[in-house]
C-alpha cells in the first residue's frame, strides 16, 4: 500500500485502526447487508471485534 511505502517490517502497524476498519466494512454493510434486511430477510453477521464495533458506531 502507498501508505506504508518505504517503511521497514518493524515499522508497520500490527493492527487496523477503527477508522480503517469502518472504511472497509461499511461499503459491504450498505451494499449487501442493508438490502437483505430491507427485503425482510434474516441476516447473521460473523465478524471480529473492530468490524462489529464499527458497524455499531455507524448504527448509533
N, C-alpha and C. Protein backbone atom coordinates (compact mmCIF):
# COMPACT_ATOMS: atom_id res chain seq x y z
N UNK A 1 0.84 -1.18 0.00
CA UNK A 1 0.00 0.00 0.00
C UNK A 1 0.88 1.25 0.00
N UNK A 2 0.40 2.27 -0.65
CA UNK A 2 1.18 3.53 -0.71
C UNK A 2 1.38 4.12 0.67
N UNK A 3 0.42 3.89 1.55
CA UNK A 3 0.51 4.44 2.90
C UNK A 3 1.78 3.97 3.61
N UNK A 4 2.18 2.74 3.37
CA UNK A 4 3.31 2.17 4.09
C UNK A 4 4.56 2.04 3.24
N UNK A 5 4.56 2.64 2.07
CA UNK A 5 5.71 2.57 1.18
C UNK A 5 6.93 3.17 1.88
N UNK A 6 8.02 2.47 1.83
CA UNK A 6 9.25 2.97 2.42
C UNK A 6 9.46 2.57 3.87
N UNK A 7 8.45 2.00 4.51
CA UNK A 7 8.61 1.56 5.90
C UNK A 7 9.22 0.17 5.93
N UNK A 8 9.98 -0.09 6.96
CA UNK A 8 10.57 -1.41 7.16
C UNK A 8 9.58 -2.27 7.93
N UNK A 9 9.78 -3.58 7.87
CA UNK A 9 8.87 -4.52 8.52
C UNK A 9 8.52 -4.18 9.96
N UNK A 10 9.50 -3.81 10.76
CA UNK A 10 9.25 -3.50 12.15
C UNK A 10 8.51 -2.19 12.37
N UNK A 11 8.40 -1.38 11.34
CA UNK A 11 7.71 -0.09 11.46
C UNK A 11 6.24 -0.17 11.05
N UNK A 12 5.84 -1.30 10.46
CA UNK A 12 4.46 -1.45 10.01
C UNK A 12 3.53 -1.66 11.19
N UNK A 13 2.33 -1.10 11.14
CA UNK A 13 1.36 -1.32 12.22
C UNK A 13 0.96 -2.79 12.26
N UNK A 14 0.68 -3.29 13.46
CA UNK A 14 0.31 -4.70 13.59
C UNK A 14 -1.20 -4.89 13.65
N UNK A 15 -1.94 -3.80 13.60
CA UNK A 15 -3.40 -3.91 13.62
C UNK A 15 -4.01 -2.81 12.77
N UNK A 16 -5.29 -2.95 12.50
CA UNK A 16 -6.03 -2.00 11.68
C UNK A 16 -6.77 -1.04 12.61
N UNK A 17 -6.72 0.25 12.31
CA UNK A 17 -7.42 1.22 13.15
C UNK A 17 -8.93 1.07 12.98
N UNK A 18 -9.69 1.57 13.93
CA UNK A 18 -11.14 1.54 13.83
C UNK A 18 -11.60 2.31 12.60
N UNK A 19 -10.97 3.44 12.33
CA UNK A 19 -11.31 4.24 11.15
C UNK A 19 -11.12 3.43 9.86
N UNK A 20 -9.99 2.73 9.76
CA UNK A 20 -9.72 1.90 8.58
C UNK A 20 -10.72 0.75 8.48
N UNK A 21 -11.04 0.15 9.62
CA UNK A 21 -11.99 -0.96 9.63
C UNK A 21 -13.37 -0.50 9.17
N UNK A 22 -13.80 0.65 9.65
CA UNK A 22 -15.10 1.20 9.24
C UNK A 22 -15.11 1.47 7.75
N UNK A 23 -14.04 2.06 7.25
CA UNK A 23 -13.95 2.36 5.81
C UNK A 23 -14.02 1.09 4.97
N UNK A 24 -13.55 -0.01 5.50
CA UNK A 24 -13.58 -1.29 4.78
C UNK A 24 -14.91 -2.00 4.94
N UNK A 25 -15.53 -1.92 6.13
CA UNK A 25 -16.73 -2.69 6.43
C UNK A 25 -18.03 -2.03 5.96
N UNK A 26 -18.11 -0.71 6.04
CA UNK A 26 -19.37 -0.04 5.72
C UNK A 26 -19.83 -0.19 4.28
N UNK A 27 -18.96 -0.17 3.29
CA UNK A 27 -19.46 -0.42 1.93
C UNK A 27 -20.15 -1.78 1.81
N UNK A 28 -19.59 -2.81 2.42
CA UNK A 28 -20.23 -4.13 2.40
C UNK A 28 -21.55 -4.08 3.14
N UNK A 29 -21.57 -3.42 4.28
CA UNK A 29 -22.80 -3.27 5.06
C UNK A 29 -23.89 -2.62 4.20
N UNK A 30 -23.56 -1.51 3.58
CA UNK A 30 -24.55 -0.75 2.81
C UNK A 30 -24.97 -1.44 1.51
N UNK A 31 -24.04 -2.10 0.86
CA UNK A 31 -24.32 -2.69 -0.45
C UNK A 31 -24.90 -4.11 -0.38
N UNK A 32 -24.59 -4.84 0.69
CA UNK A 32 -25.01 -6.24 0.77
C UNK A 32 -26.00 -6.48 1.91
N UNK A 33 -25.64 -6.08 3.11
CA UNK A 33 -26.45 -6.39 4.28
C UNK A 33 -27.75 -5.59 4.32
N UNK A 34 -27.66 -4.28 4.16
CA UNK A 34 -28.86 -3.43 4.24
C UNK A 34 -29.94 -3.86 3.25
N UNK A 35 -29.62 -4.10 1.98
CA UNK A 35 -30.68 -4.55 1.06
C UNK A 35 -31.34 -5.87 1.50
N UNK A 36 -30.57 -6.77 2.08
CA UNK A 36 -31.14 -8.03 2.56
C UNK A 36 -32.11 -7.77 3.71
N UNK A 37 -31.74 -6.90 4.63
CA UNK A 37 -32.61 -6.56 5.76
C UNK A 37 -33.88 -5.88 5.25
N UNK A 38 -33.73 -4.94 4.32
CA UNK A 38 -34.89 -4.24 3.76
C UNK A 38 -35.82 -5.19 3.01
N UNK A 39 -35.26 -6.28 2.48
CA UNK A 39 -36.06 -7.28 1.77
C UNK A 39 -36.76 -8.23 2.74
N UNK A 40 -36.58 -7.99 4.04
CA UNK A 40 -37.24 -8.80 5.05
C UNK A 40 -36.52 -10.09 5.40
N UNK A 41 -35.30 -10.23 4.95
CA UNK A 41 -34.54 -11.45 5.23
C UNK A 41 -33.84 -11.35 6.58
N UNK A 42 -33.64 -12.50 7.19
CA UNK A 42 -32.85 -12.57 8.41
C UNK A 42 -31.38 -12.64 8.02
N UNK A 43 -30.56 -11.89 8.72
CA UNK A 43 -29.13 -11.83 8.41
C UNK A 43 -28.35 -12.12 9.67
N UNK A 44 -27.38 -12.99 9.57
CA UNK A 44 -26.46 -13.23 10.68
C UNK A 44 -25.09 -12.71 10.26
N UNK A 45 -24.44 -12.03 11.18
CA UNK A 45 -23.15 -11.43 10.89
C UNK A 45 -22.10 -12.06 11.80
N UNK A 46 -21.06 -12.58 11.21
CA UNK A 46 -19.92 -13.10 11.96
C UNK A 46 -18.73 -12.22 11.60
N UNK A 47 -18.15 -11.58 12.60
CA UNK A 47 -17.06 -10.64 12.36
C UNK A 47 -16.21 -10.52 13.61
N UNK A 48 -15.05 -9.88 13.47
CA UNK A 48 -14.20 -9.66 14.63
C UNK A 48 -14.62 -8.37 15.34
N UNK A 49 -14.07 -8.13 16.48
CA UNK A 49 -14.47 -7.03 17.35
C UNK A 49 -14.50 -5.66 16.70
N UNK A 50 -13.44 -5.28 15.99
CA UNK A 50 -13.41 -3.94 15.42
C UNK A 50 -14.44 -3.76 14.31
N UNK A 51 -14.68 -4.79 13.52
CA UNK A 51 -15.70 -4.69 12.48
C UNK A 51 -17.07 -4.48 13.11
N UNK A 52 -17.37 -5.27 14.13
CA UNK A 52 -18.65 -5.12 14.82
C UNK A 52 -18.75 -3.76 15.51
N UNK A 53 -17.68 -3.34 16.12
CA UNK A 53 -17.65 -2.03 16.78
C UNK A 53 -17.93 -0.92 15.77
N UNK A 54 -17.35 -1.01 14.60
CA UNK A 54 -17.57 -0.01 13.56
C UNK A 54 -19.00 0.02 13.07
N UNK A 55 -19.60 -1.16 12.89
CA UNK A 55 -20.99 -1.22 12.45
C UNK A 55 -21.91 -0.64 13.51
N UNK A 56 -21.68 -1.00 14.77
CA UNK A 56 -22.50 -0.45 15.86
C UNK A 56 -22.35 1.06 15.93
N UNK A 57 -21.14 1.55 15.79
CA UNK A 57 -20.90 3.00 15.81
C UNK A 57 -21.68 3.67 14.68
N UNK A 58 -21.69 3.05 13.51
CA UNK A 58 -22.43 3.58 12.36
C UNK A 58 -23.93 3.61 12.65
N UNK A 59 -24.44 2.58 13.31
CA UNK A 59 -25.87 2.49 13.59
C UNK A 59 -26.31 3.47 14.67
N UNK A 60 -25.42 3.79 15.58
CA UNK A 60 -25.76 4.73 16.66
C UNK A 60 -25.87 6.12 16.08
